[in-house]
Amino acid sequence: MTDIVDISAKIASELSNITGLHDVYAYEPDKPTDGKYPFASVSLSNFEGKFGDTIRNERTYTFTIRVYQERTKVGNLMAERLLREICDEILTNFDNNTTLDGMVKWVKPVSGTFVYVDREIGDTRVAEIDLECFNVVPSLA
């Protein structure tokens, strides 16, 4: 049975193959370990279950991928461009790996937002992508 820890680790592993990301965290860090941007984090946002039948249930997990890019050093235009390019690559990656290599029944990017936050380095642009993972889990009768 696949669980939250396994799915989260797989998403982080997929993100580690994204061009341009300096680091990927399976949690929300206070700041990047090496101080380098852009970096990404993977956090469980929510999950819900639904009765399937007497031997299985349906489970949907929503993970939020956050990509951080500082704007102070690279400038506004470059920060925006880098973030958009990375988001395009992330979306394409999950469009092309709809089962996380067989770990779940399906996965899909369902929504995203771009926001500004103040972090340890100053003004930072953040892209948030919600990724929905659906699975069927055994139910003990």
Foldseek 3Di string as FASTA:
>chain_A
DDDPVNVLVLLQVLLVPQPPAPEEEQADDQADPVNDDWHKYKAWPDKDWACDDQWKIKIKTKIKIKTKDAAPPVHDVVQVVVVVSRVVVSQVSQVVVQCSVVSAPGKHFDDKDWDWDQHPVGIMIMIIIIMMTMHMGTDDD
